[in-house]
Amino acid sequence: MTDAHRRPKTPDQTRRALLDAAARIAVDQGVMALSLPAVAAAARVTKGALFHHFGSKQGLIEATCADLLQRIEAEIDTALAADPGGYGQFTRAYVACSFAQPDPARGVSPWASLSLTCLSDPALAQIWRDWITARLARHQETDGTAALEAVRLAADGHWLAQIYAVPAPARCDPAALYAHLIALTHCGATP
């Protein structure tokens, strides 16, 4: 009998372990490696526990995407709360969060995980589009300019370069790029 059969039942911890394992595998090995046995093994639970929580591989992928979006939403809201507001406030939060390092406890950046998942699944890409569209609608007054869209797209390019491990000499210094993008979020502000 394995350890998984003897462990006490902790459904919330089991669900969290499965979501974290799925996100790690997606980032480290690609979405194609996201097999149910691999996720169950990485989370140190049985496949039965995985099926109990998610029902199928698609259910796991959708739940992982939803979980990552919740984490991104929380990061953005935290950054917004710390921002003085005004022109570019959502874009500053978006840039700050997209440049953030992976969570040391989980070892996975939610931005990287979500991007890899969405790139491979059109239905999940639609979830991301709906989320970003709703956020931009909420912040249209402060972040609805083409200049700020260019800043957000540059931030997206930065984290895609990180995901695809573009060699450092081919990119500028991340700290300098971050500072430049944040400075651009103040350019359209009126005194």
Protein backbone atom coordinates (compact mmCIF):
# COMPACT_ATOMS: atom_id res chain seq x y z
CA MET A 1 0.00 0.00 0.00
CA THR A 2 1.39 3.44 -0.95
CA ASP A 3 1.60 6.48 1.27
CA ALA A 4 -1.27 8.02 -0.70
CA HIS A 5 -3.64 5.36 0.64
CA ARG A 6 -2.64 5.93 4.27
CA ARG A 7 -2.71 9.72 4.34
CA PRO A 8 -5.61 11.42 6.11
CA LYS A 9 -8.29 12.84 3.82
CA THR A 10 -7.67 16.54 3.25
CA PRO A 11 -9.68 17.48 0.15
CA ASP A 12 -8.59 21.13 0.01
CA GLN A 13 -4.91 20.21 0.33
CA THR A 14 -5.30 17.44 -2.23
CA ARG A 15 -7.00 19.78 -4.71
CA ARG A 16 -4.31 22.43 -4.15
CA ALA A 17 -1.53 19.86 -4.62
CA LEU A 18 -3.09 18.68 -7.89
CA LEU A 19 -3.49 22.23 -9.24
CA ASP A 20 0.08 23.13 -8.30
CA ALA A 21 1.43 19.92 -9.83
CA ALA A 22 -0.48 20.51 -13.06
CA ALA A 23 0.82 24.07 -13.32
CA ARG A 24 4.41 22.95 -12.65
CA ILE A 25 4.25 20.19 -15.25
CA ALA A 26 2.74 22.56 -17.83
CA VAL A 27 5.58 25.05 -17.33
CA ASP A 28 8.44 22.57 -16.95
CA GLN A 29 7.49 20.01 -19.58
CA GLY A 30 4.77 21.57 -21.69
CA VAL A 31 1.04 21.04 -21.75
CA MET A 32 1.45 17.84 -23.78
CA ALA A 33 3.14 16.26 -20.73
CA LEU A 34 0.09 17.02 -18.62
CA SER A 35 -1.07 13.42 -18.22
CA LEU A 36 -3.29 12.33 -15.37
CA PRO A 37 -0.76 9.77 -14.06
CA ALA A 38 2.03 12.39 -14.15
CA VAL A 39 -0.05 14.96 -12.28
CA ALA A 40 -1.23 12.41 -9.69
CA ALA A 41 2.36 11.23 -9.15
CA ALA A 42 3.71 14.79 -8.86
CA ALA A 43 0.98 15.64 -6.33
CA ARG A 44 1.60 12.35 -4.51
CA VAL A 45 -2.04 11.31 -4.70
CA THR A 46 -3.92 8.54 -6.46
CA LYS A 47 -5.47 8.90 -9.90
CA GLY A 48 -8.77 8.25 -8.13
CA ALA A 49 -8.29 11.41 -6.08
CA LEU A 50 -7.57 13.35 -9.25
CA PHE A 51 -10.74 12.01 -10.90
CA HIS A 52 -12.71 12.78 -7.74
CA HIS A 53 -11.67 16.44 -7.86
CA PHE A 54 -11.66 17.10 -11.61
CA GLY A 55 -13.38 14.24 -13.44
CA SER A 56 -11.14 14.32 -16.50
CA LYS A 57 -7.98 15.76 -18.00
CA GLN A 58 -10.01 18.61 -19.53
CA GLY A 59 -11.59 19.28 -16.13
CA LEU A 60 -8.11 19.46 -14.60
CA ILE A 61 -6.86 21.81 -17.32
CA GLU A 62 -9.89 24.10 -16.96
CA ALA A 63 -9.59 24.13 -13.16
CA THR A 64 -5.86 24.88 -13.43
CA CYS A 65 -6.59 27.76 -15.79
CA ALA A 66 -9.30 29.14 -13.47
CA ASP A 67 -6.98 28.82 -10.48
CA LEU A 68 -4.17 30.62 -12.27
CA LEU A 69 -6.52 33.41 -13.32
CA GLN A 70 -7.62 33.81 -9.70
CA ARG A 71 -3.97 34.09 -8.64
CA ILE A 72 -3.29 36.65 -11.37
CA GLU A 73 -6.43 38.56 -10.39
CA ALA A 74 -5.26 38.67 -6.76
CA GLU A 75 -1.76 39.84 -7.80
CA ILE A 76 -3.22 42.58 -9.98
CA ASP A 77 -5.63 43.71 -7.24
CA THR A 78 -2.76 43.86 -4.73
CA ALA A 79 -0.69 45.94 -7.15
CA LEU A 80 -3.67 48.21 -7.87
CA ALA A 81 -4.21 48.78 -4.16
CA ALA A 82 -0.58 49.93 -3.83
CA ASP A 83 -0.79 52.23 -6.87
CA PRO A 84 -1.53 55.95 -6.43
CA GLY A 85 -4.15 55.68 -9.21
CA GLY A 86 -4.83 57.78 -12.25
CA TYR A 87 -3.55 57.38 -15.79
CA GLY A 88 -2.06 53.94 -16.43
CA GLN A 89 -2.88 52.39 -13.04
CA PHE A 90 -4.05 49.04 -14.43
CA THR A 91 -1.15 48.91 -16.89
CA ARG A 92 1.37 49.56 -14.09
CA ALA A 93 -0.18 46.70 -12.10
CA TYR A 94 -0.16 44.47 -15.18
CA VAL A 95 3.51 45.24 -15.90
CA ALA A 96 4.52 44.77 -12.25
CA CYS A 97 2.79 41.41 -12.06
CA SER A 98 4.07 40.15 -15.40
CA PHE A 99 7.64 40.99 -14.36
CA ALA A 100 7.26 39.34 -10.95
CA GLN A 101 9.43 36.34 -10.19
CA PRO A 102 7.86 32.92 -9.68
CA ASP A 103 6.38 32.23 -6.27
CA PRO A 104 9.22 30.53 -4.34
CA ALA A 105 6.76 28.31 -2.48
CA ARG A 106 5.22 27.02 -5.68
CA GLY A 107 8.10 27.58 -8.10
CA VAL A 108 5.71 28.60 -10.87
CA SER A 109 4.72 32.00 -12.16
CA PRO A 110 0.97 32.04 -12.76
CA TRP A 111 1.59 34.21 -15.82
CA ALA A 112 3.89 31.63 -17.39
CA SER A 113 1.61 28.74 -16.52
CA LEU A 114 -1.47 30.42 -17.91
CA SER A 115 0.20 31.51 -21.12
CA LEU A 116 1.41 28.01 -21.92
CA THR A 117 -2.00 26.54 -21.17
CA CYS A 118 -3.89 29.14 -23.21
CA LEU A 119 -1.56 28.93 -26.19
CA SER A 120 -2.42 25.27 -26.63
CA ASP A 121 -6.20 25.36 -26.07
CA PRO A 122 -8.53 27.77 -27.94
CA ALA A 123 -11.29 27.41 -25.31
CA LEU A 124 -8.86 28.45 -22.56
CA ALA A 125 -7.54 31.27 -24.74
CA GLN A 126 -11.12 32.55 -24.84
CA ILE A 127 -11.24 32.52 -21.02
CA TRP A 128 -8.10 34.69 -20.98
CA ARG A 129 -9.54 37.04 -23.65
CA ASP A 130 -12.75 37.40 -21.66
CA TRP A 131 -10.79 38.14 -18.48
CA ILE A 132 -8.49 40.76 -20.03
CA THR A 133 -11.40 42.34 -21.93
CA ALA A 134 -13.40 42.69 -18.69
CA ARG A 135 -10.40 44.13 -16.83
CA LEU A 136 -9.71 46.64 -19.59
CA ALA A 137 -13.39 47.65 -19.66
CA ARG A 138 -13.21 48.32 -15.90
CA HIS A 139 -10.12 50.48 -16.41
CA GLN A 140 -11.06 52.09 -19.76
CA GLU A 141 -10.94 55.60 -18.33
CA THR A 142 -7.37 55.28 -17.02
CA ASP A 143 -5.90 52.65 -19.37
CA GLY A 144 -7.75 52.87 -22.68
CA THR A 145 -5.02 54.44 -24.81
CA ALA A 146 -2.99 52.88 -27.61
CA ALA A 147 0.21 53.90 -25.79
CA LEU A 148 -0.77 51.86 -22.72
CA GLU A 149 -1.83 48.93 -24.89
CA ALA A 150 1.68 48.98 -26.39
CA VAL A 151 3.15 48.87 -22.87
CA ARG A 152 0.99 45.87 -21.93
CA LEU A 153 1.93 44.09 -25.16
CA ALA A 154 5.62 44.72 -24.43
CA ALA A 155 5.12 43.21 -20.96
CA ASP A 156 3.47 40.18 -22.61
CA GLY A 157 6.48 39.88 -24.90
CA HIS A 158 8.80 39.95 -21.91
CA TRP A 159 7.15 37.04 -20.14
CA LEU A 160 6.88 35.07 -23.38
CA ALA A 161 10.63 35.57 -23.86
CA GLN A 162 11.14 34.22 -20.33
CA ILE A 163 8.95 31.20 -21.02
CA TYR A 164 10.79 30.38 -24.23
CA ALA A 165 14.15 31.08 -22.55
CA VAL A 166 15.29 33.67 -25.10
CA PRO A 167 18.99 34.17 -24.31
CA ALA A 168 19.77 37.27 -22.27
CA PRO A 169 22.02 38.92 -24.92
CA ALA A 170 19.03 38.97 -27.29
CA ARG A 171 16.98 40.93 -24.73
CA CYS A 172 17.63 44.08 -22.80
CA ASP A 173 18.16 44.02 -19.05
CA PRO A 174 14.80 43.09 -17.44
CA ALA A 175 15.16 45.75 -14.72
CA ALA A 176 15.81 48.43 -17.34
CA LEU A 177 12.89 47.24 -19.45
CA TYR A 178 10.61 47.22 -16.40
CA ALA A 179 11.64 50.76 -15.43
CA HIS A 180 11.12 51.96 -19.01
CA LEU A 181 7.66 50.41 -19.28
CA ILE A 182 6.58 51.84 -15.92
CA ALA A 183 7.86 55.28 -16.98
CA LEU A 184 5.75 55.02 -20.14
CA THR A 185 2.62 54.54 -18.01
CA HIS A 186 3.10 58.07 -16.68
CA CYS A 187 3.73 59.79 -20.04
CA GLY A 188 0.09 60.49 -20.86
CA ALA A 189 -0.82 61.67 -17.38
CA THR A 190 -1.93 65.26 -17.08
CA PRO A 191 -0.43 67.37 -14.30
